[in-house]
């Protein structure tokens, strides 16, 4: 699980780097601050779901298709 957390953390960091490059093209300090503010370890936790969600999804789709 720790390997997966690190992988997600690094992916988030790369994504935030790309976003900060687009938002702040020539401002390196703002880019670093942006990444620092939004790249948190708490965003890497996974919460496993034990119940089967197919019935819920089927009901939603049926309501949409009506």
N, C-alpha and C. Protein backbone atom coordinates (compact mmCIF):
# COMPACT_ATOMS: atom_id res chain seq x y z
N UNK A 1 0.82 -1.19 0.00
CA UNK A 1 0.00 0.00 0.00
C UNK A 1 0.87 1.26 0.00
N UNK A 2 2.01 1.20 0.66
CA UNK A 2 2.89 2.37 0.71
C UNK A 2 3.45 2.70 -0.67
N UNK A 3 3.71 1.69 -1.45
CA UNK A 3 4.21 1.93 -2.81
C UNK A 3 3.15 2.65 -3.63
N UNK A 4 1.93 2.24 -3.47
CA UNK A 4 0.83 2.88 -4.20
C UNK A 4 0.65 4.33 -3.74
N UNK A 5 0.78 4.58 -2.46
CA UNK A 5 0.68 5.95 -1.94
C UNK A 5 1.77 6.84 -2.53
N UNK A 6 2.99 6.32 -2.59
CA UNK A 6 4.09 7.09 -3.16
C UNK A 6 3.87 7.35 -4.65
N UNK A 7 3.35 6.36 -5.34
CA UNK A 7 3.07 6.52 -6.76
C UNK A 7 2.02 7.60 -6.98
N UNK A 8 0.96 7.57 -6.21
CA UNK A 8 -0.10 8.58 -6.32
C UNK A 8 0.45 9.96 -5.95
N UNK A 9 1.26 10.03 -4.92
CA UNK A 9 1.86 11.30 -4.50
C UNK A 9 2.70 11.90 -5.63
N UNK A 10 3.51 11.06 -6.27
CA UNK A 10 4.36 11.54 -7.36
C UNK A 10 3.54 11.94 -8.58
N UNK A 11 2.50 11.19 -8.88
CA UNK A 11 1.63 11.56 -10.00
C UNK A 11 0.93 12.89 -9.73
N UNK A 12 0.46 13.08 -8.52
CA UNK A 12 -0.17 14.35 -8.16
C UNK A 12 0.82 15.51 -8.30
N UNK A 13 2.04 15.26 -7.89
CA UNK A 13 3.06 16.30 -7.98
C UNK A 13 3.34 16.67 -9.44
N UNK A 14 3.43 15.68 -10.30
CA UNK A 14 3.64 15.95 -11.73
C UNK A 14 2.45 16.69 -12.34
N UNK A 15 1.27 16.28 -11.97
CA UNK A 15 0.07 16.96 -12.47
C UNK A 15 0.02 18.41 -12.00
N UNK A 16 0.31 18.64 -10.74
CA UNK A 16 0.33 20.00 -10.22
C UNK A 16 1.44 20.83 -10.87
N UNK A 17 2.53 20.21 -11.20
CA UNK A 17 3.61 20.91 -11.91
C UNK A 17 3.12 21.39 -13.27
N UNK A 18 2.42 20.52 -13.99
CA UNK A 18 1.87 20.90 -15.29
C UNK A 18 0.83 22.01 -15.17
N UNK A 19 -0.02 21.90 -14.17
CA UNK A 19 -1.05 22.92 -13.97
C UNK A 19 -0.41 24.25 -13.59
N UNK A 20 0.57 24.21 -12.72
CA UNK A 20 1.22 25.45 -12.31
C UNK A 20 1.98 26.10 -13.47
N UNK A 21 2.53 25.28 -14.37
CA UNK A 21 3.18 25.84 -15.56
C UNK A 21 2.19 26.58 -16.44
N UNK A 22 0.97 26.09 -16.49
CA UNK A 22 -0.05 26.75 -17.30
C UNK A 22 -0.60 28.00 -16.63
N UNK A 23 -0.80 27.95 -15.32
CA UNK A 23 -1.36 29.10 -14.60
C UNK A 23 -0.34 30.22 -14.41
N UNK A 24 0.88 29.85 -14.09
CA UNK A 24 1.94 30.82 -13.80
C UNK A 24 3.12 30.56 -14.73
N UNK A 25 3.04 30.97 -15.99
CA UNK A 25 4.07 30.59 -16.96
C UNK A 25 5.48 31.10 -16.63
N UNK A 26 5.61 32.32 -16.15
CA UNK A 26 6.94 32.88 -15.92
C UNK A 26 7.20 33.21 -14.46
N UNK A 27 6.47 32.60 -13.57
CA UNK A 27 6.59 32.90 -12.14
C UNK A 27 6.96 31.63 -11.39
N UNK A 28 8.24 31.41 -11.22
CA UNK A 28 8.71 30.18 -10.58
C UNK A 28 8.33 30.10 -9.10
N UNK A 29 8.38 31.21 -8.43
CA UNK A 29 8.06 31.20 -7.00
C UNK A 29 6.60 30.85 -6.76
N UNK A 30 5.70 31.40 -7.58
CA UNK A 30 4.28 31.09 -7.47
C UNK A 30 4.01 29.63 -7.82
N UNK A 31 4.75 29.10 -8.78
CA UNK A 31 4.60 27.69 -9.13
C UNK A 31 4.96 26.79 -7.95
N UNK A 32 6.06 27.10 -7.31
CA UNK A 32 6.51 26.30 -6.16
C UNK A 32 5.49 26.40 -5.02
N UNK A 33 4.99 27.60 -4.79
CA UNK A 33 4.00 27.80 -3.73
C UNK A 33 2.70 27.04 -4.03
N UNK A 34 2.29 27.06 -5.29
CA UNK A 34 1.09 26.34 -5.72
C UNK A 34 1.24 24.85 -5.46
N UNK A 35 2.35 24.28 -5.85
CA UNK A 35 2.60 22.85 -5.65
C UNK A 35 2.67 22.53 -4.16
N UNK A 36 3.30 23.39 -3.41
CA UNK A 36 3.42 23.18 -1.96
C UNK A 36 2.05 23.21 -1.28
N UNK A 37 1.17 24.07 -1.73
CA UNK A 37 -0.15 24.19 -1.12
C UNK A 37 -1.05 23.00 -1.43
N UNK A 38 -0.93 22.43 -2.60
CA UNK A 38 -1.90 21.43 -3.03
C UNK A 38 -1.37 20.00 -3.07
N UNK A 39 -0.11 19.78 -2.89
CA UNK A 39 0.41 18.42 -2.90
C UNK A 39 0.57 17.94 -1.46
N UNK A 40 -0.43 17.21 -0.99
CA UNK A 40 -0.46 16.75 0.39
C UNK A 40 -0.48 15.22 0.45
N UNK A 41 0.09 14.68 1.49
CA UNK A 41 0.07 13.23 1.69
C UNK A 41 -1.34 12.71 1.95
N UNK A 42 -2.20 13.54 2.52
CA UNK A 42 -3.56 13.10 2.82
C UNK A 42 -4.35 12.77 1.56
N UNK A 43 -3.93 13.29 0.43
CA UNK A 43 -4.65 13.03 -0.82
C UNK A 43 -4.27 11.69 -1.45
N UNK A 44 -3.39 10.95 -0.82
CA UNK A 44 -2.93 9.69 -1.40
C UNK A 44 -3.57 8.46 -0.77
N UNK A 45 -4.40 8.65 0.24
CA UNK A 45 -5.02 7.50 0.90
C UNK A 45 -6.14 6.92 0.06
N UNK A 46 -6.21 5.61 0.06
CA UNK A 46 -7.28 4.91 -0.64
C UNK A 46 -8.21 4.31 0.39
N UNK A 47 -9.47 4.37 0.10
CA UNK A 47 -10.47 3.79 0.99
C UNK A 47 -11.13 2.63 0.25
N UNK A 48 -10.81 1.41 0.61
CA UNK A 48 -11.40 0.26 -0.08
C UNK A 48 -12.89 0.14 0.19
N UNK A 49 -13.62 -0.23 -0.84
CA UNK A 49 -15.07 -0.42 -0.73
C UNK A 49 -15.34 -1.91 -0.79
N UNK A 50 -16.07 -2.41 0.20
CA UNK A 50 -16.31 -3.85 0.28
C UNK A 50 -17.64 -4.27 -0.30
N UNK A 51 -18.53 -3.34 -0.49
CA UNK A 51 -19.86 -3.72 -0.99
C UNK A 51 -19.90 -3.62 -2.51
N UNK A 52 -20.82 -4.34 -3.07
CA UNK A 52 -20.99 -4.36 -4.51
C UNK A 52 -21.84 -3.16 -4.94
N UNK A 53 -21.31 -2.34 -5.80
CA UNK A 53 -22.00 -1.12 -6.21
C UNK A 53 -22.75 -1.26 -7.54
N UNK A 54 -22.75 -2.43 -8.11
CA UNK A 54 -23.41 -2.61 -9.41
C UNK A 54 -24.90 -2.30 -9.35
N UNK A 55 -25.56 -2.71 -8.29
CA UNK A 55 -27.00 -2.43 -8.16
C UNK A 55 -27.27 -0.93 -8.10
N UNK A 56 -26.46 -0.22 -7.38
CA UNK A 56 -26.62 1.23 -7.28
C UNK A 56 -26.43 1.87 -8.65
N UNK A 57 -25.42 1.44 -9.37
CA UNK A 57 -25.16 1.99 -10.70
C UNK A 57 -26.28 1.66 -11.68
N UNK A 58 -26.80 0.45 -11.59
CA UNK A 58 -27.92 0.06 -12.46
C UNK A 58 -29.14 0.93 -12.20
N UNK A 59 -29.44 1.19 -10.94
CA UNK A 59 -30.59 2.05 -10.60
C UNK A 59 -30.39 3.46 -11.13
N UNK A 60 -29.20 3.98 -11.00
CA UNK A 60 -28.91 5.33 -11.51
C UNK A 60 -29.07 5.38 -13.02
N UNK A 61 -28.54 4.39 -13.69
CA UNK A 61 -28.65 4.36 -15.15
C UNK A 61 -30.09 4.22 -15.60
N UNK A 62 -30.86 3.41 -14.91
CA UNK A 62 -32.27 3.25 -15.26
C UNK A 62 -33.03 4.56 -15.08
N UNK A 63 -32.73 5.29 -14.03
CA UNK A 63 -33.39 6.58 -13.82
C UNK A 63 -33.00 7.58 -14.90
N UNK A 64 -31.76 7.55 -15.30
CA UNK A 64 -31.29 8.47 -16.33
C UNK A 64 -31.92 8.14 -17.68
N UNK A 65 -32.06 6.87 -17.97
CA UNK A 65 -32.56 6.44 -19.28
C UNK A 65 -34.06 6.63 -19.44
N UNK A 66 -34.79 6.91 -18.36
CA UNK A 66 -36.24 7.09 -18.46
C UNK A 66 -36.59 8.37 -19.14
